[in-house]
Amino acid sequence: MSQGVHGQAGARREGAPAVPGPDARHTEGVDGAKEEGGGRGGRGSEPKKQRSLWKELPILIVVALVLALLIKTFLVQAFSIPSESMQNTLQRGDRVLVDKLTPWFGSKPERGEVVVFHDPGGWLGESPATDNGPVAGGIQKVLSFIGLMPSAEEKDLIKRVIAVGGDTVECKGNNDPVVVNGKPLNEPYIFPGNTPCGDKPFGPIKVPKGRIWVMGDHRQDSLDSRYHQDLDRFQGTVSEDEVVGRAIVVAWPLNRWSTLPVPSTFDQKGLGAAGAAAPPALGLAGAVPLVLWRRRRLLNQAGESAKASRRAD
């Protein structure tokens, strides 16, 4: 119902024009009068002119680039597999998506996960510089910055986490399995024809806190923790700070799309015995001060009661 009807003196004056109802075609101005030029073709009903596609396109591109950069930085990033060191789990040329979100919430690498990490130093050696020309090189830098292409400067590796900080890991060679905290691993993901570590036995090695022991699934074609034990005092282990994230999906090519779950052998009972002792120890450490405080409180209460009794006597 149009404004201006309510609040008037009641019935329409005789001879006065009818008050326009809701279905009237003309528009009402703020003062209740008809707008000049009202009606279907008047100025008040002109449709708003849409912005040109060529003006919208740059805005859409900027928004898409910003979103891609945020996703690459905080959520997921695509990485290309450059070698055969993770066959048959990963093939050369596969594209994997790496979860970068959970580390922001304190998540640490766990046994059995496939992780991407920065070169700890000396693992990849000196790679020859490639000159793609100014145009192609510039395009690659822009696309790698937003996560659509791997960077030519970054040196990243991808391996499977076998042991974490506090674990003891070893492999005696021949066909003997890799052993973590006294538990042998059943590793069906190892490349067919490979032995667990026949070409490079190691250990036992106690993995320092905050570090991980990594190995490739293609054991006879992977320069992993086994081959870098002499680089520094950490015996080939990798700092958790160097880990970019966990590879969760093979996204390309489409016919190889698959997830990268943790193998069941890493769920066997007793494998995490080194870490299982931590909660009881922490519980005991927290309980001792509480018990001492309660004992002191009871002693103080007993002393106060004794003083009150002497005063009463």
C-alpha atoms as a PDB file:
ATOM      1  CA  MET A   1       0.000   0.000   0.000  1.00  0.00           C
ATOM      2  CA  SER A   2       1.448   3.356  -1.035  1.00  0.00           C
ATOM      3  CA  GLN A   3       2.613   5.822   1.539  1.00  0.00           C
ATOM      4  CA  GLY A   4       0.328   8.882   1.843  1.00  0.00           C
ATOM      5  CA  VAL A   5      -2.906   6.875   2.178  1.00  0.00           C
ATOM      6  CA  HIS A   6      -2.625   6.149   5.858  1.00  0.00           C
ATOM      7  CA  GLY A   7      -2.783   9.138   8.176  1.00  0.00           C
ATOM      8  CA  GLN A   8      -5.146  11.111   5.891  1.00  0.00           C
ATOM      9  CA  ALA A   9      -8.616  12.288   6.843  1.00  0.00           C
ATOM     10  CA  GLY A  10     -10.429   9.078   5.937  1.00  0.00           C
ATOM     11  CA  ALA A  11     -12.586   8.830   2.776  1.00  0.00           C
ATOM     12  CA  ARG A  12     -11.561  10.313  -0.547  1.00  0.00           C
ATOM     13  CA  ARG A  13     -12.796  13.831  -1.244  1.00  0.00           C
ATOM     14  CA  GLU A  14     -15.602  13.969  -3.779  1.00  0.00           C
ATOM     15  CA  GLY A  15     -14.239  14.611  -7.233  1.00  0.00           C
ATOM     16  CA  ALA A  16     -10.653  13.951  -6.129  1.00  0.00           C
ATOM     17  CA  PRO A  17      -8.590  11.520  -8.189  1.00  0.00           C
ATOM     18  CA  ALA A  18      -8.228   8.018  -6.808  1.00  0.00           C
ATOM     19  CA  VAL A  19      -5.204   7.310  -4.674  1.00  0.00           C
ATOM     20  CA  PRO A  20      -2.891   4.971  -6.583  1.00  0.00           C
ATOM     21  CA  GLY A  21      -2.857   1.434  -5.238  1.00  0.00           C
ATOM     22  CA  PRO A  22      -0.098  -1.139  -5.140  1.00  0.00           C
ATOM     23  CA  ASP A  23      -0.635  -2.065  -8.766  1.00  0.00           C
ATOM     24  CA  ALA A  24      -0.216   1.464 -10.065  1.00  0.00           C
ATOM     25  CA  ARG A  25       2.411   1.743 -12.768  1.00  0.00           C
ATOM     26  CA  HIS A  26       3.767   5.144 -11.795  1.00  0.00           C
ATOM     27  CA  THR A  27       6.356   5.553  -9.059  1.00  0.00           C
ATOM     28  CA  GLU A  28       6.120   7.629  -5.953  1.00  0.00           C
ATOM     29  CA  GLY A  29       8.639  10.216  -4.904  1.00  0.00           C
ATOM     30  CA  VAL A  30       9.748  10.714  -1.309  1.00  0.00           C
ATOM     31  CA  ASP A  31       7.141  13.462  -0.856  1.00  0.00           C
ATOM     32  CA  GLY A  32       4.259  11.312  -2.131  1.00  0.00           C
ATOM     33  CA  ALA A  33       3.934  13.113  -5.455  1.00  0.00           C
ATOM     34  CA  LYS A  34       4.332  11.426  -8.835  1.00  0.00           C
ATOM     35  CA  GLU A  35       7.847  11.648 -10.183  1.00  0.00           C
ATOM     36  CA  GLU A  36       8.158  13.674 -13.314  1.00  0.00           C
ATOM     37  CA  GLY A  37       8.431  11.350 -16.261  1.00  0.00           C
ATOM     38  CA  GLY A  38       7.162   8.391 -14.174  1.00  0.00           C
ATOM     39  CA  GLY A  39       5.823   5.286 -15.773  1.00  0.00           C
ATOM     40  CA  ARG A  40       7.376   2.338 -17.518  1.00  0.00           C
ATOM     41  CA  GLY A  41       9.616   4.472 -19.679  1.00  0.00           C
ATOM     42  CA  GLY A  42      10.478   7.182 -17.129  1.00  0.00           C
ATOM     43  CA  ARG A  43      13.880   7.979 -15.732  1.00  0.00           C
ATOM     44  CA  GLY A  44      13.116   6.380 -12.380  1.00  0.00           C
ATOM     45  CA  SER A  45      12.774   2.912 -13.929  1.00  0.00           C
ATOM     46  CA  GLU A  46      15.874   2.893 -16.134  1.00  0.00           C
ATOM     47  CA  PRO A  47      17.864  -0.344 -15.582  1.00  0.00           C
ATOM     48  CA  LYS A  48      21.320   0.043 -14.090  1.00  0.00           C
ATOM     49  CA  LYS A  49      23.971  -0.215 -16.766  1.00  0.00           C
ATOM     50  CA  GLN A  50      26.133  -3.324 -16.356  1.00  0.00           C
ATOM     51  CA  ARG A  51      29.875  -3.017 -16.162  1.00  0.00           C
ATOM     52  CA  SER A  52      31.759  -4.077 -19.261  1.00  0.00           C
ATOM     53  CA  LEU A  53      33.301  -7.558 -19.300  1.00  0.00           C
ATOM     54  CA  TRP A  54      36.690  -6.027 -20.080  1.00  0.00           C
ATOM     55  CA  LYS A  55      36.447  -3.971 -16.900  1.00  0.00           C
ATOM     56  CA  GLU A  56      35.376  -6.982 -14.826  1.00  0.00           C
ATOM     57  CA  LEU A  57      38.059  -9.317 -16.196  1.00  0.00           C
ATOM     58  CA  PRO A  58      41.111  -7.686 -14.517  1.00  0.00           C
ATOM     59  CA  ILE A  59      39.295  -7.715 -11.170  1.00  0.00           C
ATOM     60  CA  LEU A  60      38.439 -11.391 -11.552  1.00  0.00           C
ATOM     61  CA  ILE A  61      42.037 -12.222 -12.451  1.00  0.00           C
ATOM     62  CA  VAL A  62      43.407 -10.352  -9.420  1.00  0.00           C
ATOM     63  CA  VAL A  63      40.914 -12.075  -7.098  1.00  0.00           C
ATOM     64  CA  ALA A  64      41.803 -15.485  -8.566  1.00  0.00           C
ATOM     65  CA  LEU A  65      45.544 -14.847  -8.121  1.00  0.00           C
ATOM     66  CA  VAL A  66      45.091 -13.704  -4.525  1.00  0.00           C
ATOM     67  CA  LEU A  67      43.005 -16.785  -3.719  1.00  0.00           C
ATOM     68  CA  ALA A  68      45.576 -19.050  -5.395  1.00  0.00           C
ATOM     69  CA  LEU A  69      48.362 -17.446  -3.366  1.00  0.00           C
ATOM     70  CA  LEU A  70      46.445 -17.866  -0.104  1.00  0.00           C
ATOM     71  CA  ILE A  71      45.653 -21.491  -0.906  1.00  0.00           C
ATOM     72  CA  LYS A  72      49.291 -22.199  -1.766  1.00  0.00           C
ATOM     73  CA  THR A  73      50.553 -20.516   1.398  1.00  0.00           C
ATOM     74  CA  PHE A  74      48.102 -21.874   3.940  1.00  0.00           C
ATOM     75  CA  LEU A  75      46.133 -24.812   2.501  1.00  0.00           C
ATOM     76  CA  VAL A  76      47.548 -27.013  -0.262  1.00  0.00           C
ATOM     77  CA  GLN A  77      50.296 -26.821  -2.858  1.00  0.00           C
ATOM     78  CA  ALA A  78      50.964 -28.912  -5.946  1.00  0.00           C
ATOM     79  CA  PHE A  79      54.369 -30.569  -6.380  1.00  0.00           C
ATOM     80  CA  SER A  80      55.802 -32.416  -9.357  1.00  0.00           C
ATOM     81  CA  ILE A  81      57.643 -35.723  -8.828  1.00  0.00           C
ATOM     82  CA  PRO A  82      61.053 -35.395 -10.542  1.00  0.00           C
ATOM     83  CA  SER A  83      62.508 -38.895 -10.008  1.00  0.00           C
ATOM     84  CA  GLU A  84      61.771 -42.600  -9.490  1.00  0.00           C
ATOM     85  CA  SER A  85      62.788 -42.682  -5.808  1.00  0.00           C
ATOM     86  CA  MET A  86      59.180 -43.223  -4.624  1.00  0.00           C
ATOM     87  CA  GLN A  87      58.126 -45.868  -7.153  1.00  0.00           C
ATOM     88  CA  ASN A  88      55.713 -47.531  -7.372  1.00  0.00           C
ATOM     89  CA  THR A  89      53.774 -45.305  -5.022  1.00  0.00           C
ATOM     90  CA  LEU A  90      54.658 -42.248  -7.118  1.00  0.00           C
ATOM     91  CA  GLN A  91      55.874 -42.087 -10.705  1.00  0.00           C
ATOM     92  CA  ARG A  92      58.066 -39.478 -12.348  1.00  0.00           C
ATOM     93  CA  GLY A  93      55.826 -36.662 -13.575  1.00  0.00           C
ATOM     94  CA  ASP A  94      53.016 -37.252 -11.077  1.00  0.00           C
ATOM     95  CA  ARG A  95      51.513 -34.166  -9.454  1.00  0.00           C
ATOM     96  CA  VAL A  96      50.730 -34.492  -5.764  1.00  0.00           C
ATOM     97  CA  LEU A  97      48.781 -32.159  -3.502  1.00  0.00           C
ATOM     98  CA  VAL A  98      50.508 -31.377  -0.233  1.00  0.00           C
ATOM     99  CA  ASP A  99      48.601 -30.465   2.916  1.00  0.00           C
ATOM    100  CA  LYS A 100      50.117 -27.287   4.373  1.00  0.00           C
ATOM    101  CA  LEU A 101      47.232 -26.441   6.703  1.00  0.00           C
ATOM    102  CA  THR A 102      47.592 -28.929   9.559  1.00  0.00           C
ATOM    103  CA  PRO A 103      51.205 -27.938  10.398  1.00  0.00           C
ATOM    104  CA  TRP A 104      49.861 -24.456  11.220  1.00  0.00           C
ATOM    105  CA  PHE A 105      47.850 -26.122  14.004  1.00  0.00           C
ATOM    106  CA  GLY A 106      50.854 -27.947  15.447  1.00  0.00           C
ATOM    107  CA  SER A 107      50.579 -31.205  13.505  1.00  0.00           C
ATOM    108  CA  LYS A 108      53.888 -33.092  13.252  1.00  0.00           C
ATOM    109  CA  PRO A 109      55.005 -35.672  10.673  1.00  0.00           C
ATOM    110  CA  GLU A 110      53.984 -39.203  11.627  1.00  0.00           C
ATOM    111  CA  ARG A 111      55.342 -42.629  10.737  1.00  0.00           C
ATOM    112  CA  GLY A 112      54.191 -43.851   7.344  1.00  0.00           C
ATOM    113  CA  GLU A 113      53.295 -40.458   5.879  1.00  0.00           C
ATOM    114  CA  VAL A 114      54.715 -39.308   2.552  1.00  0.00           C
ATOM    115  CA  VAL A 115      56.129 -35.827   3.117  1.00  0.00           C
ATOM    116  CA  VAL A 116      57.734 -33.053   1.080  1.00  0.00           C
ATOM    117  CA  PHE A 117      60.680 -31.316   2.725  1.00  0.00           C
ATOM    118  CA  HIS A 118      63.358 -28.794   1.843  1.00  0.00           C
ATOM    119  CA  ASP A 119      66.848 -30.077   1.129  1.00  0.00           C
ATOM    120  CA  PRO A 120      68.486 -30.274   4.585  1.00  0.00           C
ATOM    121  CA  GLY A 121      71.794 -29.456   2.917  1.00  0.00           C
ATOM    122  CA  GLY A 122      73.813 -31.493   0.450  1.00  0.00           C
ATOM    123  CA  TRP A 123      71.163 -34.089  -0.359  1.00  0.00           C
ATOM    124  CA  LEU A 124      70.539 -32.879  -3.899  1.00  0.00           C
ATOM    125  CA  GLY A 125      74.018 -31.578  -4.594  1.00  0.00           C
ATOM    126  CA  GLU A 126      74.602 -28.737  -7.029  1.00  0.00           C
ATOM    127  CA  SER A 127      71.923 -28.781  -9.709  1.00  0.00           C
ATOM    128  CA  PRO A 128      72.946 -27.208 -13.031  1.00  0.00           C
ATOM    129  CA  ALA A 129      71.247 -23.886 -13.688  1.00  0.00           C
ATOM    130  CA  THR A 130      68.719 -23.881 -16.510  1.00  0.00           C
ATOM    131  CA  ASP A 131      68.133 -20.848 -18.705  1.00  0.00           C
ATOM    132  CA  ASN A 132      64.581 -20.750 -20.066  1.00  0.00           C
ATOM    133  CA  GLY A 133      64.899 -17.241 -21.429  1.00  0.00           C
ATOM    134  CA  PRO A 134      63.495 -14.039 -19.949  1.00  0.00           C
ATOM    135  CA  VAL A 135      59.879 -14.596 -21.030  1.00  0.00           C
ATOM    136  CA  ALA A 136      59.528 -18.272 -20.088  1.00  0.00           C
ATOM    137  CA  GLY A 137      61.570 -17.717 -16.939  1.00  0.00           C
ATOM    138  CA  GLY A 138      59.384 -14.800 -15.882  1.00  0.00           C
ATOM    139  CA  ILE A 139      56.191 -16.784 -16.480  1.00  0.00           C
ATOM    140  CA  GLN A 140      57.540 -19.688 -14.439  1.00  0.00           C
ATOM    141  CA  LYS A 141      58.448 -17.402 -11.552  1.00  0.00           C
ATOM    142  CA  VAL A 142      54.958 -15.881 -11.476  1.00  0.00           C
ATOM    143  CA  LEU A 143      53.207 -19.264 -11.695  1.00  0.00           C
ATOM    144  CA  SER A 144      55.487 -20.839  -9.089  1.00  0.00           C
ATOM    145  CA  PHE A 145      54.879 -17.872  -6.778  1.00  0.00           C
ATOM    146  CA  ILE A 146      51.148 -18.609  -6.755  1.00  0.00           C
ATOM    147  CA  GLY A 147      51.648 -22.382  -6.647  1.00  0.00           C
ATOM    148  CA  LEU A 148      50.655 -23.351 -10.191  1.00  0.00           C
ATOM    149  CA  MET A 149      54.161 -24.498 -11.159  1.00  0.00           C
ATOM    150  CA  PRO A 150      57.143 -25.867  -9.236  1.00  0.00           C
ATOM    151  CA  SER A 151      59.839 -23.319  -8.558  1.00  0.00           C
ATOM    152  CA  ALA A 152      63.149 -23.609 -10.379  1.00  0.00           C
ATOM    153  CA  GLU A 153      65.028 -22.297  -7.325  1.00  0.00           C
ATOM    154  CA  GLU A 154      63.459 -24.400  -4.569  1.00  0.00           C
ATOM    155  CA  LYS A 155      65.085 -27.752  -3.791  1.00  0.00           C
ATOM    156  CA  ASP A 156      62.482 -30.058  -2.313  1.00  0.00           C
ATOM    157  CA  LEU A 157      62.429 -33.814  -1.792  1.00  0.00           C
ATOM    158  CA  ILE A 158      59.645 -36.312  -1.179  1.00  0.00           C
ATOM    159  CA  LYS A 159      60.099 -39.432   0.971  1.00  0.00           C
ATOM    160  CA  ARG A 160      58.230 -41.634   3.430  1.00  0.00           C
ATOM    161  CA  VAL A 161      58.586 -41.068   7.172  1.00  0.00           C
ATOM    162  CA  ILE A 162      59.852 -44.285   8.762  1.00  0.00           C
ATOM    163  CA  ALA A 163      60.675 -43.083  12.277  1.00  0.00           C
ATOM    164  CA  VAL A 164      60.088 -39.942  14.332  1.00  0.00           C
ATOM    165  CA  GLY A 165      61.815 -38.269  17.266  1.00  0.00           C
ATOM    166  CA  GLY A 166      62.478 -40.698  20.115  1.00  0.00           C
ATOM    167  CA  ASP A 167      62.293 -43.814  17.906  1.00  0.00           C
ATOM    168  CA  THR A 168      65.113 -46.298  17.383  1.00  0.00           C
ATOM    169  CA  VAL A 169      65.387 -47.501  13.784  1.00  0.00           C
ATOM    170  CA  GLU A 170      67.674 -50.080  12.182  1.00  0.00           C
ATOM    171  CA  CYS A 171      68.039 -52.497   9.289  1.00  0.00           C
ATOM    172  CA  LYS A 172      70.712 -55.212   9.215  1.00  0.00           C
ATOM    173  CA  GLY A 173      70.700 -55.729   5.443  1.00  0.00           C
ATOM    174  CA  ASN A 174      70.085 -58.676   3.151  1.00  0.00           C
ATOM    175  CA  ASN A 175      66.348 -59.400   3.303  1.00  0.00           C
ATOM    176  CA  ASP A 176      65.940 -58.335   6.911  1.00  0.00           C
ATOM    177  CA  PRO A 177      63.116 -55.845   7.507  1.00  0.00           C
ATOM    178  CA  VAL A 178      63.387 -52.299   8.749  1.00  0.00           C
ATOM    179  CA  VAL A 179      62.820 -52.373  12.517  1.00  0.00           C
ATOM    180  CA  VAL A 180      61.332 -49.475  14.505  1.00  0.00           C
ATOM    181  CA  ASN A 181      61.335 -49.678  18.296  1.00  0.00           C
ATOM    182  CA  GLY A 182      61.886 -53.426  18.054  1.00  0.00           C
ATOM    183  CA  LYS A 183      58.946 -53.949  15.681  1.00  0.00           C
ATOM    184  CA  PRO A 184      59.676 -55.173  12.111  1.00  0.00           C
ATOM    185  CA  LEU A 185      57.815 -53.339   9.364  1.00  0.00           C
ATOM    186  CA  ASN A 186      55.817 -55.128   6.675  1.00  0.00           C
ATOM    187  CA  GLU A 187      56.331 -52.861   3.652  1.00  0.00           C
ATOM    188  CA  PRO A 188      54.300 -53.972   0.610  1.00  0.00           C
ATOM    189  CA  TYR A 189      54.767 -50.507  -0.926  1.00  0.00           C
ATOM    190  CA  ILE A 190      58.478 -51.153  -1.599  1.00  0.00           C
ATOM    191  CA  PHE A 191      59.343 -51.275  -5.311  1.00  0.00           C
ATOM    192  CA  PRO A 192      59.091 -54.874  -6.634  1.00  0.00           C
ATOM    193  CA  GLY A 193      62.420 -56.665  -6.500  1.00  0.00           C
ATOM    194  CA  ASN A 194      63.905 -54.319  -3.878  1.00  0.00           C
ATOM    195  CA  THR A 195      64.955 -55.415  -0.411  1.00  0.00           C
ATOM    196  CA  PRO A 196      64.171 -53.234   2.638  1.00  0.00           C
ATOM    197  CA  CYS A 197      67.777 -52.004   2.818  1.00  0.00           C
ATOM    198  CA  GLY A 198      70.001 -54.726   1.387  1.00  0.00           C
ATOM    199  CA  ASP A 199      72.210 -52.208  -0.384  1.00  0.00           C
ATOM    200  CA  LYS A 200      72.645 -49.934   2.641  1.00  0.00           C
ATOM    201  CA  PRO A 201      72.218 -51.415   6.137  1.00  0.00           C
ATOM    202  CA  PHE A 202      72.113 -48.969   9.036  1.00  0.00           C
ATOM    203  CA  GLY A 203      71.563 -48.497  12.740  1.00  0.00           C
ATOM    204  CA  PRO A 204      70.477 -48.852  15.323  1.00  0.00           C
ATOM    205  CA  ILE A 205      69.944 -45.084  15.255  1.00  0.00           C
ATOM    206  CA  LYS A 206      68.134 -43.088  17.920  1.00  0.00           C
ATOM    207  CA  VAL A 207      66.192 -40.353  16.116  1.00  0.00           C
ATOM    208  CA  PRO A 208      66.628 -37.011  17.934  1.00  0.00           C
ATOM    209  CA  LYS A 209      63.561 -35.131  19.127  1.00  0.00           C
ATOM    210  CA  GLY A 210      62.121 -32.809  16.480  1.00  0.00           C
ATOM    211  CA  ARG A 211      63.590 -34.849  13.616  1.00  0.00           C
ATOM    212  CA  ILE A 212      62.486 -37.697  11.313  1.00  0.00           C
ATOM    213  CA  TRP A 213      64.111 -40.631   9.496  1.00  0.00           C
ATOM    214  CA  VAL A 214      62.944 -40.856   5.865  1.00  0.00           C
ATOM    215  CA  MET A 215      63.312 -43.449   3.107  1.00  0.00           C
ATOM    216  CA  GLY A 216      62.129 -43.739  -0.483  1.00  0.00           C
ATOM    217  CA  ASP A 217      59.846 -46.601  -1.525  1.00  0.00           C
ATOM    218  CA  HIS A 218      62.272 -47.468  -4.338  1.00  0.00           C
ATOM    219  CA  ARG A 219      64.972 -48.459  -1.883  1.00  0.00           C
ATOM    220  CA  GLN A 220      67.669 -49.232  -4.462  1.00  0.00           C
ATOM    221  CA  ASP A 221      67.116 -45.860  -6.180  1.00  0.00           C
ATOM    222  CA  SER A 222      66.660 -43.438  -3.300  1.00  0.00           C
ATOM    223  CA  LEU A 223      69.377 -41.316  -1.706  1.00  0.00           C
ATOM    224  CA  ASP A 224      67.544 -40.917   1.578  1.00  0.00           C
ATOM    225  CA  SER A 225      68.510 -40.807   5.271  1.00  0.00           C
ATOM    226  CA  ARG A 226      70.652 -43.933   4.874  1.00  0.00           C
ATOM    227  CA  TYR A 227      73.079 -42.159   2.554  1.00  0.00           C
ATOM    228  CA  HIS A 228      73.500 -38.947   4.549  1.00  0.00           C
ATOM    229  CA  GLN A 229      74.453 -40.233   7.974  1.00  0.00           C
ATOM    230  CA  ASP A 230      77.880 -38.621   7.763  1.00  0.00           C
ATOM    231  CA  LEU A 231      76.764 -35.122   6.743  1.00  0.00           C
ATOM    232  CA  ASP A 232      76.311 -33.870  10.298  1.00  0.00           C
ATOM    233  CA  ARG A 233      75.746 -35.000  13.876  1.00  0.00           C
ATOM    234  CA  PHE A 234      72.078 -35.806  13.191  1.00  0.00           C
ATOM    235  CA  GLN A 235      72.925 -39.055  11.319  1.00  0.00           C
ATOM    236  CA  GLY A 236      70.829 -38.445   8.228  1.00  0.00           C
ATOM    237  CA  THR A 237      67.653 -37.359  10.016  1.00  0.00           C
ATOM    238  CA  VAL A 238      65.615 -34.372   8.809  1.00  0.00           C
ATOM    239  CA  SER A 239      64.396 -31.507  10.979  1.00  0.00           C
ATOM    240  CA  GLU A 240      60.616 -31.201  11.286  1.00  0.00           C
ATOM    241  CA  ASP A 241      61.084 -27.501  10.515  1.00  0.00           C
ATOM    242  CA  GLU A 242      62.196 -28.441   6.988  1.00  0.00           C
ATOM    243  CA  VAL A 243      58.948 -30.314   6.276  1.00  0.00           C
ATOM    244  CA  VAL A 244      56.631 -28.448   3.882  1.00  0.00           C
ATOM    245  CA  GLY A 245      53.674 -30.760   4.420  1.00  0.00           C
ATOM    246  CA  ARG A 246      52.194 -34.186   3.889  1.00  0.00           C
ATOM    247  CA  ALA A 247      51.380 -35.435   0.385  1.00  0.00           C
ATOM    248  CA  ILE A 248      47.750 -36.543   0.510  1.00  0.00           C
ATOM    249  CA  VAL A 249      46.594 -37.053  -3.086  1.00  0.00           C
ATOM    250  CA  VAL A 250      48.016 -37.948  -6.484  1.00  0.00           C
ATOM    251  CA  ALA A 251      46.062 -35.381  -8.503  1.00  0.00           C
ATOM    252  CA  TRP A 252      47.606 -35.776 -11.973  1.00  0.00           C
ATOM    253  CA  PRO A 253      47.477 -37.530 -14.359  1.00  0.00           C
ATOM    254  CA  LEU A 254      43.807 -38.295 -13.843  1.00  0.00           C
ATOM    255  CA  ASN A 255      44.195 -42.006 -14.534  1.00  0.00           C
ATOM    256  CA  ARG A 256      46.531 -42.227 -11.516  1.00  0.00           C
ATOM    257  CA  TRP A 257      44.332 -40.271  -9.120  1.00  0.00           C
ATOM    258  CA  SER A 258      44.623 -41.816  -5.654  1.00  0.00           C
ATOM    259  CA  THR A 259      45.042 -40.963  -1.997  1.00  0.00           C
ATOM    260  CA  LEU A 260      48.229 -41.587  -0.006  1.00  0.00           C
ATOM    261  CA  PRO A 261      47.127 -43.191   3.278  1.00  0.00           C
ATOM    262  CA  VAL A 262      49.401 -44.395   6.074  1.00  0.00           C
ATOM    263  CA  PRO A 263      50.144 -48.136   5.582  1.00  0.00           C
ATOM    264  CA  SER A 264      48.688 -50.450   8.228  1.00  0.00           C
ATOM    265  CA  THR A 265      52.109 -51.701   9.351  1.00  0.00           C
ATOM    266  CA  PHE A 266      52.640 -48.381  11.131  1.00  0.00           C
ATOM    267  CA  ASP A 267      49.516 -49.015  13.224  1.00  0.00           C
ATOM    268  CA  GLN A 268      50.798 -52.219  14.786  1.00  0.00           C
ATOM    269  CA  LYS A 269      50.634 -52.443  18.560  1.00  0.00           C
ATOM    270  CA  GLY A 270      53.787 -51.428  20.402  1.00  0.00           C
ATOM    271  CA  LEU A 271      55.392 -49.584  17.484  1.00  0.00           C
ATOM    272  CA  GLY A 272      54.943 -46.257  19.243  1.00  0.00           C
ATOM    273  CA  ALA A 273      56.201 -47.562  22.567  1.00  0.00           C
ATOM    274  CA  ALA A 274      58.735 -44.762  22.782  1.00  0.00           C
ATOM    275  CA  GLY A 275      55.997 -42.170  22.666  1.00  0.00           C
ATOM    276  CA  ALA A 276      53.469 -44.206  24.676  1.00  0.00           C
ATOM    277  CA  ALA A 277      55.469 -43.729  27.874  1.00  0.00           C
ATOM    278  CA  ALA A 278      55.222 -39.983  27.616  1.00  0.00           C
ATOM    279  CA  PRO A 279      51.581 -39.505  28.808  1.00  0.00           C
ATOM    280  CA  PRO A 280      52.038 -41.537  32.034  1.00  0.00           C
ATOM    281  CA  ALA A 281      55.283 -39.714  32.733  1.00  0.00           C
ATOM    282  CA  LEU A 282      53.603 -36.362  32.199  1.00  0.00           C
ATOM    283  CA  GLY A 283      50.699 -37.465  34.393  1.00  0.00           C
ATOM    284  CA  LEU A 284      53.078 -38.443  37.176  1.00  0.00           C
ATOM    285  CA  ALA A 285      54.962 -35.167  36.858  1.00  0.00           C
ATOM    286  CA  GLY A 286      51.695 -33.271  37.191  1.00  0.00           C
ATOM    287  CA  ALA A 287      50.419 -35.406  40.083  1.00  0.00           C
ATOM    288  CA  VAL A 288      53.466 -35.001  42.353  1.00  0.00           C
ATOM    289  CA  PRO A 289      53.034 -31.228  42.949  1.00  0.00           C
ATOM    290  CA  LEU A 290      49.303 -31.757  43.534  1.00  0.00           C
ATOM    291  CA  VAL A 291      49.917 -34.446  46.157  1.00  0.00           C
ATOM    292  CA  LEU A 292      52.538 -32.317  47.923  1.00  0.00           C
ATOM    293  CA  TRP A 293      50.199 -29.306  47.945  1.00  0.00           C
ATOM    294  CA  ARG A 294      47.356 -31.372  49.393  1.00  0.00           C
ATOM    295  CA  ARG A 295      49.626 -32.843  52.084  1.00  0.00           C
ATOM    296  CA  ARG A 296      50.828 -29.383  53.116  1.00  0.00           C
ATOM    297  CA  ARG A 297      47.226 -28.161  53.222  1.00  0.00           C
ATOM    298  CA  LEU A 298      46.198 -31.026  55.544  1.00  0.00           C
ATOM    299  CA  LEU A 299      49.172 -30.350  57.813  1.00  0.00           C
ATOM    300  CA  ASN A 300      48.256 -26.658  58.026  1.00  0.00           C
ATOM    301  CA  GLN A 301      44.671 -27.548  58.879  1.00  0.00           C
ATOM    302  CA  ALA A 302      45.856 -29.917  61.627  1.00  0.00           C
ATOM    303  CA  GLY A 303      48.087 -27.198  63.062  1.00  0.00           C
ATOM    304  CA  GLU A 304      45.258 -24.690  63.095  1.00  0.00           C
ATOM    305  CA  SER A 305      43.009 -27.203  64.890  1.00  0.00           C
ATOM    306  CA  ALA A 306      45.664 -27.850  67.537  1.00  0.00           C
ATOM    307  CA  LYS A 307      46.069 -24.111  68.202  1.00  0.00           C
ATOM    308  CA  ALA A 308      42.300 -23.694  68.535  1.00  0.00           C
ATOM    309  CA  SER A 309      42.166 -26.537  71.075  1.00  0.00           C
ATOM    310  CA  ARG A 310      44.893 -24.996  73.230  1.00  0.00           C
ATOM    311  CA  ARG A 311      43.088 -21.646  73.247  1.00  0.00           C
ATOM    312  CA  ALA A 312      39.851 -23.359  74.349  1.00  0.00           C
ATOM    313  CA  ASP A 313      41.678 -25.039  77.267  1.00  0.00           C
END
